[in-house]
């Protein structure tokens, strides 16, 4: 199992340190550095900046939002980033959610699975540098009856097939991801529930495509906080607002993918309470309602040895790249967490 690092959203108050974190991850041999986007900074600019100042580590979008870009534009960006980085780019995609898609981008959040499939097909075709033509439900290229003509990509990426990942949570999306992508980006993953909530659905998609899980990259993202095992409860409290935001407030009452995931993990009552409190403005109450067990199962907390044991569990459950989001109030604390991550991987015998 390899390790990755997730820098999260730019503009969260740690921007000055993020380059140093990426460079330390590069020095330590981390496999990939991911950057996210929502409705603040875009991921492409951040990844270009990081790629220009690192040497070996891959850079990946976690995620480029599908409603934000036409698929041909995403192919152009991916090809450019792969070329500039010397073949170190990984393309992560996701549909975002209805509030961002419709409220920020003005794109209807309808038929996300079909839209994702077409999007991926267009990108794949564009990256072959064939002349691009496509007929689908959501995109038709060129537009019929006009001056448009099939055009081919002029940029020569380092690789014709750039690794393509999809951020997936629901069973149908996970199955389609296994069918059409090279990897899956998972959030709030519990090693204890990974097979039931994710891997079996991905496996079904691979089988539908006549493939196995061999070569498919399963990438859970897990927050990391290093400390004494006696202080695990205190360490877990650090992530209460984070967990409450996703389970309670990331989406509407009817459509919150993270809330549904918590329910599938057995926290139906707790997920409902967190959401009720969060959506009525009681964010502190929502954070307090998050069960300690849910946080502990979806993070890496405690000593290096305890973290190593949890890493073993993720590897046994099918994770192939474990992406860490190291906690810390200072740069030194975040860098220490990175080093603890590599030490834990070695103690687990997974390096």
Protein backbone atom coordinates (compact mmCIF):
# COMPACT_ATOMS: atom_id res chain seq x y z
CA UNK A 1 0.00 0.00 0.00
CA UNK A 2 1.23 3.47 -0.89
CA UNK A 3 0.64 6.76 0.90
CA UNK A 4 -0.78 9.98 -0.50
CA UNK A 5 -1.28 13.43 0.95
CA UNK A 6 -4.37 15.63 0.61
CA UNK A 7 -3.84 19.38 0.87
CA UNK A 8 -7.58 20.02 1.00
CA UNK A 9 -9.06 23.30 -0.15
CA UNK A 10 -6.81 26.29 -0.80
CA UNK A 11 -7.77 29.33 1.19
CA UNK A 12 -8.41 27.40 4.42
CA UNK A 13 -5.76 29.36 6.30
CA UNK A 14 -2.78 27.06 5.80
CA UNK A 15 -1.78 28.10 2.29
CA UNK A 16 1.66 29.37 3.26
CA UNK A 17 2.54 25.95 4.68
CA UNK A 18 0.99 23.72 2.03
CA UNK A 19 3.93 23.87 -0.36
CA UNK A 20 6.29 22.83 2.44
CA UNK A 21 3.95 19.93 3.26
CA UNK A 22 3.92 18.82 -0.37
CA UNK A 23 7.70 19.09 -0.62
CA UNK A 24 8.20 17.05 2.55
CA UNK A 25 5.80 14.41 1.24
CA UNK A 26 7.85 14.36 -1.97
CA UNK A 27 11.08 13.89 0.01
CA UNK A 28 9.54 11.11 2.13
CA UNK A 29 8.42 9.14 -0.92
CA UNK A 30 4.67 9.73 -0.78
CA UNK A 31 3.09 8.58 -4.04
CA UNK A 32 0.66 11.42 -4.76
CA UNK A 33 -0.37 14.88 -3.58
CA UNK A 34 -4.07 15.67 -4.08
CA UNK A 35 -5.76 19.09 -4.08
CA UNK A 36 -9.49 19.78 -3.92
CA UNK A 37 -11.89 22.40 -5.22
CA UNK A 38 -15.43 23.41 -4.29
CA UNK A 39 -16.34 27.08 -4.79
CA UNK A 40 -13.08 28.75 -3.80
CA UNK A 41 -9.72 27.99 -5.32
CA UNK A 42 -9.51 25.78 -8.38
CA UNK A 43 -7.43 22.62 -8.16
CA UNK A 44 -5.61 22.98 -11.49
CA UNK A 45 -3.76 26.14 -10.46
CA UNK A 46 -2.74 24.66 -7.11
CA UNK A 47 -1.49 21.44 -8.71
CA UNK A 48 0.54 23.36 -11.28
CA UNK A 49 2.19 25.34 -8.50
CA UNK A 50 2.99 22.18 -6.51
CA UNK A 51 4.21 20.22 -9.54
CA UNK A 52 6.62 23.02 -10.47
CA UNK A 53 8.29 22.82 -7.05
CA UNK A 54 8.44 19.05 -6.45
CA UNK A 55 10.32 16.28 -8.22
CA UNK A 56 8.88 12.77 -7.85
CA UNK A 57 5.45 12.93 -6.25
CA UNK A 58 2.40 12.71 -8.50
CA UNK A 59 -0.14 15.53 -8.36
CA UNK A 60 -3.84 14.74 -8.53
CA UNK A 61 -7.18 16.53 -8.65
CA UNK A 62 -9.46 15.39 -5.87
CA UNK A 63 -11.55 16.55 -7.52
CA UNK A 64 -12.11 18.47 -10.73
CA UNK A 65 -15.86 19.13 -10.61
CA UNK A 66 -17.70 17.83 -13.66
CA UNK A 67 -20.25 20.70 -13.79
CA UNK A 68 -17.42 23.24 -13.73
CA UNK A 69 -15.80 22.30 -17.04
CA UNK A 70 -16.69 20.97 -20.44
CA UNK A 71 -15.07 17.53 -20.88
CA UNK A 72 -12.80 18.72 -23.70
CA UNK A 73 -11.50 21.48 -21.42
CA UNK A 74 -10.74 18.90 -18.74
CA UNK A 75 -8.85 16.83 -21.33
CA UNK A 76 -6.82 19.93 -22.25
CA UNK A 77 -6.01 20.66 -18.61
CA UNK A 78 -5.05 17.05 -17.90
CA UNK A 79 -2.82 16.85 -20.97
CA UNK A 80 -1.13 20.14 -20.08
CA UNK A 81 -0.55 19.20 -16.45
CA UNK A 82 0.79 15.80 -17.43
CA UNK A 83 3.17 17.38 -19.92
CA UNK A 84 4.39 20.11 -17.54
CA UNK A 85 4.87 17.67 -14.65
CA UNK A 86 6.75 15.08 -16.68
CA UNK A 87 3.99 12.47 -16.49
CA UNK A 88 3.04 12.98 -12.84
CA UNK A 89 -0.62 13.97 -13.13
CA UNK A 90 -3.64 11.94 -11.94
CA UNK A 91 -7.09 13.09 -13.01
CA UNK A 92 -9.75 12.85 -10.31
CA UNK A 93 -13.35 13.71 -11.22
CA UNK A 94 -16.61 14.10 -9.34
CA UNK A 95 -20.12 15.39 -9.90
CA UNK A 96 -20.04 17.60 -6.77
CA UNK A 97 -23.52 18.02 -5.27
CA UNK A 98 -26.81 19.65 -6.25
CA UNK A 99 -26.26 22.81 -4.23
CA UNK A 100 -22.88 23.58 -5.81
CA UNK A 101 -23.74 22.29 -9.28
CA UNK A 102 -26.94 24.31 -9.57
CA UNK A 103 -26.17 27.19 -7.22
CA UNK A 104 -22.58 27.94 -8.28
CA UNK A 105 -22.26 26.58 -11.81
CA UNK A 106 -25.85 26.80 -13.01
CA UNK A 107 -25.80 23.19 -14.17
CA UNK A 108 -28.76 20.93 -13.40
CA UNK A 109 -27.84 18.05 -11.11
CA UNK A 110 -29.64 15.44 -13.16
CA UNK A 111 -28.60 11.94 -14.18
CA UNK A 112 -25.15 12.19 -12.55
CA UNK A 113 -24.16 8.63 -13.47
CA UNK A 114 -24.97 9.02 -17.16
CA UNK A 115 -23.32 12.43 -17.23
CA UNK A 116 -20.16 11.03 -15.62
CA UNK A 117 -19.98 8.12 -18.06
CA UNK A 118 -20.24 10.42 -21.09
CA UNK A 119 -17.73 12.86 -19.59
CA UNK A 120 -15.17 10.08 -19.11
CA UNK A 121 -15.76 8.70 -22.61
CA UNK A 122 -15.14 12.11 -24.18
CA UNK A 123 -11.97 12.68 -22.15
CA UNK A 124 -10.65 9.23 -23.02
CA UNK A 125 -11.29 9.85 -26.72
CA UNK A 126 -9.76 13.33 -26.67
CA UNK A 127 -6.63 12.03 -24.97
CA UNK A 128 -6.00 9.57 -27.82
CA UNK A 129 -5.57 12.65 -30.05
CA UNK A 130 -8.14 11.36 -32.49
CA UNK A 131 -10.48 13.89 -34.04
CA UNK A 132 -13.17 14.37 -31.45
CA UNK A 133 -16.75 13.49 -32.30
CA UNK A 134 -19.34 12.19 -29.87
CA UNK A 135 -23.08 11.63 -29.75
CA UNK A 136 -24.64 11.27 -26.32
CA UNK A 137 -27.55 12.39 -24.21
CA UNK A 138 -25.62 15.22 -22.54
CA UNK A 139 -22.95 16.12 -25.11
CA UNK A 140 -22.88 16.09 -28.90
CA UNK A 141 -19.60 17.03 -30.58
CA UNK A 142 -19.52 18.79 -32.96
CA UNK A 143 -22.90 20.48 -32.58
CA UNK A 144 -25.09 19.47 -35.51
CA UNK A 145 -26.02 21.95 -38.24
CA UNK A 146 -23.32 24.48 -37.44
CA UNK A 147 -19.78 25.42 -38.39
CA UNK A 148 -18.14 23.10 -35.88
CA UNK A 149 -15.93 20.25 -37.08
CA UNK A 150 -14.11 17.39 -35.34
CA UNK A 151 -10.87 18.71 -33.84
CA UNK A 152 -8.00 16.82 -32.26
CA UNK A 153 -5.95 17.73 -29.20
CA UNK A 154 -2.72 19.51 -30.14
CA UNK A 155 -0.94 18.98 -26.81
CA UNK A 156 1.19 15.85 -26.55
CA UNK A 157 0.81 14.56 -22.96
CA UNK A 158 3.48 12.33 -21.50
CA UNK A 159 1.00 9.46 -21.46
CA UNK A 160 -1.95 8.70 -23.69
CA UNK A 161 -3.84 7.15 -20.76
CA UNK A 162 -3.56 9.41 -17.75
CA UNK A 163 -4.81 7.60 -14.61
CA UNK A 164 -8.45 8.58 -14.12
CA UNK A 165 -10.17 8.47 -10.74
CA UNK A 166 -13.76 9.14 -9.71
CA UNK A 167 -14.90 10.31 -6.29
CA UNK A 168 -17.71 7.91 -5.45
CA UNK A 169 -19.85 7.22 -2.40
CA UNK A 170 -23.12 5.58 -3.42
CA UNK A 171 -23.32 1.92 -4.51
CA UNK A 172 -24.31 2.66 -8.12
CA UNK A 173 -21.61 5.31 -8.53
CA UNK A 174 -19.02 2.97 -7.02
CA UNK A 175 -20.02 0.19 -9.41
CA UNK A 176 -19.79 2.50 -12.42
CA UNK A 177 -16.44 3.78 -11.16
CA UNK A 178 -15.11 0.23 -11.10
CA UNK A 179 -16.35 -0.21 -14.64
CA UNK A 180 -15.01 2.96 -16.31
CA UNK A 181 -12.18 4.38 -14.15
CA UNK A 182 -8.67 3.45 -13.00
CA UNK A 183 -9.24 4.32 -9.36
CA UNK A 184 -11.80 5.40 -6.75
CA UNK A 185 -11.47 8.32 -4.34
CA UNK A 186 -13.25 7.50 -1.07
CA UNK A 187 -14.08 9.79 1.84
CA UNK A 188 -15.13 8.79 5.37
CA UNK A 189 -13.89 5.27 4.75
CA UNK A 190 -13.93 2.81 7.64
CA UNK A 191 -11.63 -0.16 7.25
CA UNK A 192 -14.20 -2.22 9.13
CA UNK A 193 -16.91 -1.36 6.58
CA UNK A 194 -14.83 -0.87 3.41
CA UNK A 195 -15.75 -4.17 1.79
CA UNK A 196 -19.48 -3.68 2.30
CA UNK A 197 -19.70 0.06 1.60
CA UNK A 198 -17.27 0.31 -1.31
CA UNK A 199 -15.08 -2.57 -2.46
CA UNK A 200 -17.81 -5.06 -3.34
CA UNK A 201 -19.52 -2.47 -5.53
CA UNK A 202 -16.26 -1.55 -7.26
CA UNK A 203 -15.55 -5.24 -7.80
CA UNK A 204 -18.96 -5.68 -9.42
CA UNK A 205 -18.18 -2.87 -11.84
CA UNK A 206 -14.82 -4.37 -12.71
CA UNK A 207 -16.48 -7.70 -13.40
CA UNK A 208 -19.04 -5.98 -15.62
CA UNK A 209 -16.13 -4.63 -17.67
CA UNK A 210 -14.48 -8.07 -17.75
CA UNK A 211 -11.73 -6.99 -15.36
CA UNK A 212 -10.53 -7.73 -11.83
CA UNK A 213 -9.39 -5.39 -9.08
CA UNK A 214 -5.77 -5.92 -10.18
CA UNK A 215 -4.34 -2.54 -11.09
CA UNK A 216 -7.35 -0.62 -9.79
CA UNK A 217 -6.37 2.02 -7.22
CA UNK A 218 -8.67 2.22 -4.17
CA UNK A 219 -7.82 5.48 -2.40
CA UNK A 220 -9.47 6.22 0.94
CA UNK A 221 -8.76 9.65 2.42
CA UNK A 222 -8.27 9.61 6.19
CA UNK A 223 -7.44 12.45 8.57
CA UNK A 224 -4.35 11.76 10.72
CA UNK A 225 -3.59 12.97 14.24
CA UNK A 226 -0.59 11.62 16.13
CA UNK A 227 -0.44 11.48 19.92
CA UNK A 228 -0.55 9.33 22.99
CA UNK A 229 -3.01 6.44 22.89
CA UNK A 230 -4.43 7.70 26.19
CA UNK A 231 -5.48 10.89 24.38
CA UNK A 232 -7.32 9.29 21.47
CA UNK A 233 -10.61 10.77 22.62
CA UNK A 234 -9.10 14.26 22.64
CA UNK A 235 -7.55 13.70 19.23
CA UNK A 236 -10.92 12.55 17.90
CA UNK A 237 -12.57 15.75 19.15
CA UNK A 238 -10.35 17.66 16.72
CA UNK A 239 -12.34 16.18 13.85
CA UNK A 240 -15.85 16.66 15.26
CA UNK A 241 -16.55 19.87 13.26
CA UNK A 242 -15.16 18.22 10.10
CA UNK A 243 -17.33 15.12 10.46
CA UNK A 244 -20.40 17.18 11.40
CA UNK A 245 -19.94 19.39 8.33
CA UNK A 246 -20.00 16.46 5.94
CA UNK A 247 -22.58 14.26 7.66
CA UNK A 248 -24.81 17.17 8.64
CA UNK A 249 -24.30 20.00 6.20
CA UNK A 250 -22.73 18.82 2.97
CA UNK A 251 -25.89 18.72 0.89
CA UNK A 252 -29.61 19.05 1.49
CA UNK A 253 -31.73 17.07 3.91
CA UNK A 254 -32.89 14.81 1.09
CA UNK A 255 -29.58 14.47 -0.72
CA UNK A 256 -26.48 14.23 1.45
CA UNK A 257 -24.24 11.42 0.23
CA UNK A 258 -22.08 11.48 3.37
CA UNK A 259 -25.08 11.23 5.66
CA UNK A 260 -26.27 8.23 3.66
CA UNK A 261 -22.82 6.64 3.99
CA UNK A 262 -22.89 7.07 7.78
CA UNK A 263 -26.28 5.37 7.79
CA UNK A 264 -24.93 2.43 5.77
CA UNK A 265 -22.18 2.10 8.38
CA UNK A 266 -24.83 1.60 11.06
CA UNK A 267 -25.26 5.15 12.38
CA UNK A 268 -28.81 5.84 11.17
CA UNK A 269 -30.07 7.54 14.34
CA UNK A 270 -26.86 9.49 14.92
CA UNK A 271 -26.69 10.65 11.29
CA UNK A 272 -30.25 11.97 11.51
CA UNK A 273 -29.50 13.85 14.74
CA UNK A 274 -26.30 15.39 13.34
CA UNK A 275 -28.14 16.56 10.24
CA UNK A 276 -31.11 17.94 12.19
CA UNK A 277 -28.85 20.01 14.42
CA UNK A 278 -26.58 21.19 11.62
CA UNK A 279 -29.37 22.30 9.30
CA UNK A 280 -31.07 24.26 12.08
CA UNK A 281 -27.86 26.18 12.71
CA UNK A 282 -26.68 24.31 15.80
CA UNK A 283 -23.23 23.41 14.49
CA UNK A 284 -21.79 22.90 17.97
CA UNK A 285 -24.62 20.57 18.84
CA UNK A 286 -24.08 18.68 15.59
CA UNK A 287 -20.39 18.25 16.37
CA UNK A 288 -21.20 17.03 19.87
CA UNK A 289 -23.63 14.47 18.43
CA UNK A 290 -20.95 12.79 16.31
CA UNK A 291 -20.15 9.43 17.94
CA UNK A 292 -16.54 8.96 18.98
CA UNK A 293 -16.58 5.54 17.34
CA UNK A 294 -17.51 7.02 13.95
CA UNK A 295 -14.57 9.43 14.10
CA UNK A 296 -12.16 6.76 15.31
CA UNK A 297 -13.20 4.34 12.55
CA UNK A 298 -12.73 6.92 9.78
CA UNK A 299 -9.45 8.51 10.92
CA UNK A 300 -5.96 7.50 12.05
CA UNK A 301 -5.50 8.51 15.66
CA UNK A 302 -2.94 7.87 18.39
CA UNK A 303 0.56 6.48 18.51
CA UNK A 304 2.57 5.32 15.52
CA UNK A 305 1.93 1.71 16.54
CA UNK A 306 -1.84 2.25 16.75
CA UNK A 307 -1.82 3.99 13.39
CA UNK A 308 0.23 1.13 11.92
CA UNK A 309 -2.42 -1.34 13.08
CA UNK A 310 -5.14 0.72 11.42
CA UNK A 311 -3.10 0.91 8.22
CA UNK A 312 -2.91 -2.89 8.20
CA UNK A 313 -6.69 -3.00 8.47
CA UNK A 314 -7.12 -0.64 5.51
CA UNK A 315 -4.70 -2.66 3.40
CA UNK A 316 -6.45 -5.91 4.32
CA UNK A 317 -9.79 -4.33 3.35
CA UNK A 318 -8.50 -3.50 -0.13
CA UNK A 319 -7.01 0.00 0.05
CA UNK A 320 -4.06 0.42 -2.31
CA UNK A 321 -3.26 4.10 -1.73
CA UNK A 322 -4.06 5.57 1.67
CA UNK A 323 -4.36 9.34 1.40
CA UNK A 324 -3.55 11.17 4.62
CA UNK A 325 -4.88 14.55 5.70
CA UNK A 326 -2.47 15.39 8.56
CA UNK A 327 -3.82 17.53 11.36
CA UNK A 328 -1.74 20.17 13.07
CA UNK A 329 -1.97 23.78 14.18
CA UNK A 330 1.58 24.54 13.02
CA UNK A 331 3.71 23.58 10.06
CA UNK A 332 6.04 21.60 12.32
CA UNK A 333 3.11 19.54 13.61
CA UNK A 334 1.92 18.76 10.09
CA UNK A 335 5.39 17.78 8.95
CA UNK A 336 5.79 15.56 12.02
CA UNK A 337 2.50 13.89 11.12
CA UNK A 338 3.80 13.19 7.62
CA UNK A 339 6.90 11.55 9.03
CA UNK A 340 4.78 9.54 11.46
CA UNK A 341 2.75 8.32 8.50
CA UNK A 342 5.79 6.87 6.74
CA UNK A 343 7.06 5.36 10.01
CA UNK A 344 3.68 3.72 10.63
CA UNK A 345 3.62 2.30 7.10
CA UNK A 346 7.04 0.76 7.66
CA UNK A 347 6.06 -0.69 11.06
CA UNK A 348 2.98 -2.17 9.44
CA UNK A 349 5.23 -3.92 6.91
CA UNK A 350 3.43 -2.24 4.02
CA UNK A 351 6.17 0.04 2.66
